[in-house]
Amino acid sequence: MSEYITTDASDCYHSSEECEAFKAGRRGSDAAGYRLHEIRRVTAEQAEGQRKTACPVCAERAAEGAPP
C-alpha cells in the first residue's frame, strides 16, 4: 500500500515532500505568515476519506514514470 503526505489544511495529498506543488504551498503559507501544519502520512484511501484529491503534479509525474 502506497503512502502519501498531506496536512490538515491541504486539499490534496502528495507522493512526497519533494513535490513542487507541495513545496510551493508551504513556501507561500510561510511567506504569508500562516502556521505550517504538521505533515501527515496517509494512504490514498485515508486521504480520499478526508475529501482530499490526488495532487495533479504528482499524478502527472507518476504517469511519466518519474520518481516522486
Protein backbone atom coordinates (compact mmCIF):
# COMPACT_ATOMS: atom_id res chain seq x y z
CA MET A 1 0.00 0.00 0.00
CA SER A 2 1.46 3.36 -1.04
CA GLU A 3 1.96 6.11 1.48
CA TYR A 4 1.38 9.78 0.72
CA ILE A 5 1.65 13.05 2.61
CA THR A 6 -0.85 15.78 3.38
CA THR A 7 -1.66 18.34 6.04
CA ASP A 8 -4.90 19.20 7.79
CA ALA A 9 -5.15 22.38 5.71
CA SER A 10 -4.37 20.84 2.32
CA ASP A 11 -6.96 19.90 -0.27
CA CYS A 12 -4.55 17.41 -1.87
CA TYR A 13 -2.32 14.52 -1.00
CA HIS A 14 1.17 14.28 -2.46
CA SER A 15 3.60 11.49 -3.26
CA SER A 16 6.41 13.14 -1.28
CA GLU A 17 7.64 16.32 0.34
CA GLU A 18 9.69 16.87 -2.83
CA CYS A 19 6.56 17.67 -4.87
CA GLU A 20 6.97 21.15 -6.36
CA ALA A 21 3.31 21.99 -5.71
CA PHE A 22 3.62 20.91 -2.07
CA LYS A 23 6.82 22.91 -1.58
CA ALA A 24 5.29 25.98 -3.26
CA GLY A 25 2.26 25.77 -0.99
CA ARG A 26 4.44 25.55 2.10
CA ARG A 27 6.60 28.48 0.96
CA GLY A 28 3.53 30.59 0.19
CA SER A 29 1.92 29.84 3.53
CA ASP A 30 5.13 30.61 5.38
CA ALA A 31 5.62 33.89 3.49
CA ALA A 32 2.04 34.91 4.29
CA GLY A 33 2.69 34.29 7.97
CA TYR A 34 0.42 31.27 8.27
CA ARG A 35 1.23 28.50 10.70
CA LEU A 36 2.58 25.50 8.83
CA HIS A 37 0.50 22.43 9.59
CA GLU A 38 2.09 19.15 10.56
CA ILE A 39 2.82 16.82 7.66
CA ARG A 40 0.84 13.61 7.98
CA ARG A 41 1.45 10.29 6.28
CA VAL A 42 -1.69 8.70 4.85
CA THR A 43 -2.84 6.11 2.36
CA ALA A 44 -4.81 7.25 -0.68
CA GLU A 45 -7.93 5.75 0.89
CA GLN A 46 -7.42 7.71 4.11
CA ALA A 47 -6.79 10.95 2.22
CA GLU A 48 -9.82 10.48 0.00
CA GLY A 49 -11.88 9.71 3.10
CA GLN A 50 -10.87 13.19 4.27
CA ARG A 51 -12.14 14.59 0.94
CA LYS A 52 -8.63 15.26 -0.38
CA THR A 53 -7.74 14.71 -4.01
CA ALA A 54 -4.53 13.47 -5.58
CA CYS A 55 -2.10 16.25 -6.43
CA PRO A 56 -2.20 16.81 -10.20
CA VAL A 57 1.57 17.49 -10.29
CA CYS A 58 2.33 14.20 -8.52
CA ALA A 59 -0.14 12.35 -10.76
CA GLU A 60 1.48 13.76 -13.90
CA ARG A 61 4.96 12.77 -12.72
CA ALA A 62 3.74 9.27 -11.89
CA ALA A 63 2.16 8.95 -15.35
CA GLU A 64 5.51 9.92 -16.87
CA GLY A 65 7.26 7.28 -14.76
CA ALA A 66 9.24 9.89 -12.84
CA PRO A 67 10.18 9.24 -9.21
CA PRO A 68 8.07 11.04 -6.58
